Amino acid sequence: MYILDTDIFSLAYTTARPNMALRNRIAGATKGNIFFSIVTVKESCRGALGLVGRYNHDQDRRLLSAYELFEKVLRSIGALTILPFDNECYDIRLDEQRIPALNRRRHPEDSRIAATALRFDLTLVTRNEQDYQGIVGLRVENWLQVS
């Protein structure tokens, strides 16, 4: 079973040109075997809402694209099951033996996603493998890497 990093979720569902091979691989997985974290929901919504805020005036038609992106994020959220960042995830994230302080400082959101993956015993799918180096027990796969 897998959990998608925010970048993979974005590439498959919310970019202007979604990666269809990636989306098909996600769709081809057995239903109930692929998840994403509430952290990804927050990151995706924050990014889209940031654009809405940046272009929130009548003189910039990019506002339309920003709202379109926000709508796409909201619709895409329903594609997969969302996992919580709960007390157990929180405790895993703070466990120095599992997630070093350096990971937590450099990549706070990624360390929360990693803690969620560890909590639910999932393999993390990301193209940013280096962001997760040093996290003990975390299984990582890059579905975009050409073999």
C-alpha atoms as a PDB file:
ATOM      1  CA  MET A   1       0.000   0.000   0.000  1.00  0.00           C
ATOM      2  CA  TYR A   2       1.147   3.513  -0.817  1.00  0.00           C
ATOM      3  CA  ILE A   3       0.932   7.128   0.282  1.00  0.00           C
ATOM      4  CA  LEU A   4       1.546   9.885  -2.270  1.00  0.00           C
ATOM      5  CA  ASP A   5       3.834  12.806  -1.558  1.00  0.00           C
ATOM      6  CA  THR A   6       2.380  16.221  -2.380  1.00  0.00           C
ATOM      7  CA  ASP A   7       4.485  16.566  -5.527  1.00  0.00           C
ATOM      8  CA  ILE A   8       3.164  13.271  -6.912  1.00  0.00           C
ATOM      9  CA  PHE A   9      -0.422  14.248  -6.090  1.00  0.00           C
ATOM     10  CA  SER A  10       0.098  17.581  -7.874  1.00  0.00           C
ATOM     11  CA  LEU A  11       1.725  16.032 -10.938  1.00  0.00           C
ATOM     12  CA  ALA A  12      -1.077  13.492 -11.286  1.00  0.00           C
ATOM     13  CA  TYR A  13      -4.080  15.669 -10.542  1.00  0.00           C
ATOM     14  CA  THR A  14      -3.631  19.446 -10.322  1.00  0.00           C
ATOM     15  CA  THR A  15      -1.042  20.663 -12.823  1.00  0.00           C
ATOM     16  CA  ALA A  16      -2.070  22.243 -16.114  1.00  0.00           C
ATOM     17  CA  ARG A  17      -0.831  19.118 -17.903  1.00  0.00           C
ATOM     18  CA  PRO A  18      -1.267  16.155 -15.563  1.00  0.00           C
ATOM     19  CA  ASN A  19       1.168  13.280 -15.916  1.00  0.00           C
ATOM     20  CA  MET A  20      -1.222  10.727 -17.408  1.00  0.00           C
ATOM     21  CA  ALA A  21       1.169   7.777 -17.021  1.00  0.00           C
ATOM     22  CA  LEU A  22       1.385   8.560 -13.314  1.00  0.00           C
ATOM     23  CA  ARG A  23      -2.363   9.062 -13.022  1.00  0.00           C
ATOM     24  CA  ASN A  24      -2.977   5.754 -14.820  1.00  0.00           C
ATOM     25  CA  ARG A  25      -0.599   3.939 -12.472  1.00  0.00           C
ATOM     26  CA  ILE A  26      -2.463   5.381  -9.503  1.00  0.00           C
ATOM     27  CA  ALA A  27      -5.820   4.479 -11.049  1.00  0.00           C
ATOM     28  CA  GLY A  28      -4.577   0.984 -11.873  1.00  0.00           C
ATOM     29  CA  ALA A  29      -3.712   0.219  -8.279  1.00  0.00           C
ATOM     30  CA  THR A  30      -6.206  -1.810  -6.335  1.00  0.00           C
ATOM     31  CA  LYS A  31      -8.849   0.439  -4.808  1.00  0.00           C
ATOM     32  CA  GLY A  32      -7.980   1.192  -1.219  1.00  0.00           C
ATOM     33  CA  ASN A  33      -4.235   0.715  -1.711  1.00  0.00           C
ATOM     34  CA  ILE A  34      -3.260   4.338  -2.380  1.00  0.00           C
ATOM     35  CA  PHE A  35      -3.719   7.186   0.095  1.00  0.00           C
ATOM     36  CA  PHE A  36      -2.589  10.700   0.761  1.00  0.00           C
ATOM     37  CA  SER A  37      -2.112  12.720   3.911  1.00  0.00           C
ATOM     38  CA  ILE A  38      -4.152  15.581   5.282  1.00  0.00           C
ATOM     39  CA  VAL A  39      -0.803  17.405   5.057  1.00  0.00           C
ATOM     40  CA  THR A  40      -0.982  17.107   1.255  1.00  0.00           C
ATOM     41  CA  VAL A  41      -4.514  18.532   1.342  1.00  0.00           C
ATOM     42  CA  LYS A  42      -3.241  21.506   3.343  1.00  0.00           C
ATOM     43  CA  GLU A  43      -0.222  22.073   1.093  1.00  0.00           C
ATOM     44  CA  SER A  44      -2.294  21.834  -2.099  1.00  0.00           C
ATOM     45  CA  CYS A  45      -5.030  24.145  -0.852  1.00  0.00           C
ATOM     46  CA  ARG A  46      -2.508  26.629   0.543  1.00  0.00           C
ATOM     47  CA  GLY A  47      -0.719  26.795  -2.816  1.00  0.00           C
ATOM     48  CA  ALA A  48      -3.914  27.350  -4.784  1.00  0.00           C
ATOM     49  CA  LEU A  49      -5.296  29.875  -2.303  1.00  0.00           C
ATOM     50  CA  GLY A  50      -1.962  31.700  -2.347  1.00  0.00           C
ATOM     51  CA  LEU A  51      -2.414  32.276  -6.076  1.00  0.00           C
ATOM     52  CA  VAL A  52      -6.007  33.421  -5.569  1.00  0.00           C
ATOM     53  CA  GLY A  53      -4.736  35.923  -3.006  1.00  0.00           C
ATOM     54  CA  ARG A  54      -1.899  37.119  -5.238  1.00  0.00           C
ATOM     55  CA  TYR A  55      -4.183  37.836  -8.198  1.00  0.00           C
ATOM     56  CA  ASN A  56      -7.221  38.943  -6.213  1.00  0.00           C
ATOM     57  CA  HIS A  57      -7.932  42.167  -8.101  1.00  0.00           C
ATOM     58  CA  ASP A  58      -9.939  42.961 -11.184  1.00  0.00           C
ATOM     59  CA  GLN A  59      -6.978  43.990 -13.336  1.00  0.00           C
ATOM     60  CA  ASP A  60      -5.389  40.530 -13.506  1.00  0.00           C
ATOM     61  CA  ARG A  61      -7.079  37.748 -15.440  1.00  0.00           C
ATOM     62  CA  ARG A  62      -4.669  35.236 -13.851  1.00  0.00           C
ATOM     63  CA  LEU A  63      -7.221  35.255 -11.039  1.00  0.00           C
ATOM     64  CA  LEU A  64      -9.388  33.026 -13.250  1.00  0.00           C
ATOM     65  CA  SER A  65      -6.613  30.443 -13.561  1.00  0.00           C
ATOM     66  CA  ALA A  66      -5.987  30.624  -9.825  1.00  0.00           C
ATOM     67  CA  TYR A  67      -9.624  29.843  -9.084  1.00  0.00           C
ATOM     68  CA  GLU A  68      -9.537  27.074 -11.678  1.00  0.00           C
ATOM     69  CA  LEU A  69      -6.533  25.532  -9.918  1.00  0.00           C
ATOM     70  CA  PHE A  70      -8.252  25.780  -6.536  1.00  0.00           C
ATOM     71  CA  GLU A  71     -11.338  24.071  -7.955  1.00  0.00           C
ATOM     72  CA  LYS A  72      -9.142  21.333  -9.482  1.00  0.00           C
ATOM     73  CA  VAL A  73      -7.458  20.751  -6.117  1.00  0.00           C
ATOM     74  CA  LEU A  74     -10.804  20.472  -4.343  1.00  0.00           C
ATOM     75  CA  ARG A  75     -12.194  18.044  -6.931  1.00  0.00           C
ATOM     76  CA  SER A  76      -9.010  15.937  -6.909  1.00  0.00           C
ATOM     77  CA  ILE A  77      -9.033  15.558  -3.144  1.00  0.00           C
ATOM     78  CA  GLY A  78     -11.969  13.199  -3.543  1.00  0.00           C
ATOM     79  CA  ALA A  79      -9.931  10.836  -5.740  1.00  0.00           C
ATOM     80  CA  LEU A  80      -8.170   9.109  -2.836  1.00  0.00           C
ATOM     81  CA  THR A  81      -8.603   8.383   0.839  1.00  0.00           C
ATOM     82  CA  ILE A  82      -7.163  11.037   3.158  1.00  0.00           C
ATOM     83  CA  LEU A  83      -5.182   9.846   6.173  1.00  0.00           C
ATOM     84  CA  PRO A  84      -5.024  11.938   9.345  1.00  0.00           C
ATOM     85  CA  PHE A  85      -2.002  13.441  11.032  1.00  0.00           C
ATOM     86  CA  ASP A  86      -2.953  12.157  14.477  1.00  0.00           C
ATOM     87  CA  ASN A  87      -1.316  11.747  17.901  1.00  0.00           C
ATOM     88  CA  GLU A  88       0.619   8.672  16.809  1.00  0.00           C
ATOM     89  CA  CYS A  89       1.925  10.466  13.696  1.00  0.00           C
ATOM     90  CA  TYR A  90       2.894  13.414  15.888  1.00  0.00           C
ATOM     91  CA  ASP A  91       4.837  11.173  18.280  1.00  0.00           C
ATOM     92  CA  ILE A  92       6.581   9.355  15.409  1.00  0.00           C
ATOM     93  CA  ARG A  93       7.615  12.693  13.891  1.00  0.00           C
ATOM     94  CA  LEU A  94       9.229  13.774  17.154  1.00  0.00           C
ATOM     95  CA  ASP A  95      11.071  10.457  17.669  1.00  0.00           C
ATOM     96  CA  GLU A  96      14.740  11.291  17.010  1.00  0.00           C
ATOM     97  CA  GLN A  97      15.489   7.607  16.395  1.00  0.00           C
ATOM     98  CA  ARG A  98      13.093   7.549  13.437  1.00  0.00           C
ATOM     99  CA  ILE A  99      12.975  11.076  12.006  1.00  0.00           C
ATOM    100  CA  PRO A 100      16.117  13.128  12.670  1.00  0.00           C
ATOM    101  CA  ALA A 101      15.748  16.763  13.700  1.00  0.00           C
ATOM    102  CA  LEU A 102      17.466  17.843  10.471  1.00  0.00           C
ATOM    103  CA  ASN A 103      14.622  16.333   8.410  1.00  0.00           C
ATOM    104  CA  ARG A 104      12.025  18.017  10.607  1.00  0.00           C
ATOM    105  CA  ARG A 105      13.693  21.430  10.277  1.00  0.00           C
ATOM    106  CA  ARG A 106      14.474  21.299   6.537  1.00  0.00           C
ATOM    107  CA  HIS A 107      11.271  19.613   5.419  1.00  0.00           C
ATOM    108  CA  PRO A 108       8.582  19.998   8.095  1.00  0.00           C
ATOM    109  CA  GLU A 109       5.676  18.999   5.851  1.00  0.00           C
ATOM    110  CA  ASP A 110       7.602  16.098   4.329  1.00  0.00           C
ATOM    111  CA  SER A 111       8.466  14.840   7.803  1.00  0.00           C
ATOM    112  CA  ARG A 112       4.752  14.880   8.682  1.00  0.00           C
ATOM    113  CA  ILE A 113       3.948  12.880   5.539  1.00  0.00           C
ATOM    114  CA  ALA A 114       6.786  10.467   6.404  1.00  0.00           C
ATOM    115  CA  ALA A 115       5.408  10.045   9.933  1.00  0.00           C
ATOM    116  CA  THR A 116       2.005   9.259   8.433  1.00  0.00           C
ATOM    117  CA  ALA A 117       3.579   6.665   6.123  1.00  0.00           C
ATOM    118  CA  LEU A 118       5.365   5.059   9.069  1.00  0.00           C
ATOM    119  CA  ARG A 119       2.232   5.135  11.241  1.00  0.00           C
ATOM    120  CA  PHE A 120       0.133   3.333   8.630  1.00  0.00           C
ATOM    121  CA  ASP A 121       3.011   1.148   7.326  1.00  0.00           C
ATOM    122  CA  LEU A 122       2.818   2.563   3.789  1.00  0.00           C
ATOM    123  CA  THR A 123       5.415   2.996   1.054  1.00  0.00           C
ATOM    124  CA  LEU A 124       5.894   6.667   0.180  1.00  0.00           C
ATOM    125  CA  VAL A 125       5.742   7.574  -3.516  1.00  0.00           C
ATOM    126  CA  THR A 126       7.803  10.691  -4.307  1.00  0.00           C
ATOM    127  CA  ARG A 127      10.201  12.081  -6.857  1.00  0.00           C
ATOM    128  CA  ASN A 128      12.011  13.958  -4.054  1.00  0.00           C
ATOM    129  CA  GLU A 129      13.738  10.962  -2.538  1.00  0.00           C
ATOM    130  CA  GLN A 130      16.517  13.099  -1.064  1.00  0.00           C
ATOM    131  CA  ASP A 131      13.992  14.887   1.187  1.00  0.00           C
ATOM    132  CA  TYR A 132      13.381  11.592   2.998  1.00  0.00           C
ATOM    133  CA  GLN A 133      16.941  10.331   3.413  1.00  0.00           C
ATOM    134  CA  GLY A 134      17.820   9.319   6.939  1.00  0.00           C
ATOM    135  CA  ILE A 135      14.275   8.456   8.022  1.00  0.00           C
ATOM    136  CA  VAL A 136      14.504   5.033   9.625  1.00  0.00           C
ATOM    137  CA  GLY A 137      12.085   2.393   8.382  1.00  0.00           C
ATOM    138  CA  LEU A 138      10.563   4.520   5.634  1.00  0.00           C
ATOM    139  CA  ARG A 139      10.082   2.757   2.295  1.00  0.00           C
ATOM    140  CA  VAL A 140      10.292   5.128  -0.696  1.00  0.00           C
ATOM    141  CA  GLU A 141       9.558   4.603  -4.381  1.00  0.00           C
ATOM    142  CA  ASN A 142       9.915   7.000  -7.297  1.00  0.00           C
ATOM    143  CA  TRP A 143       7.310   6.134  -9.916  1.00  0.00           C
ATOM    144  CA  LEU A 144       8.705   8.746 -12.301  1.00  0.00           C
ATOM    145  CA  GLN A 145      12.207   7.299 -12.407  1.00  0.00           C
ATOM    146  CA  VAL A 146      12.969   5.552 -15.679  1.00  0.00           C
ATOM    147  CA  SER A 147      14.324   2.053 -15.050  1.00  0.00           C
END
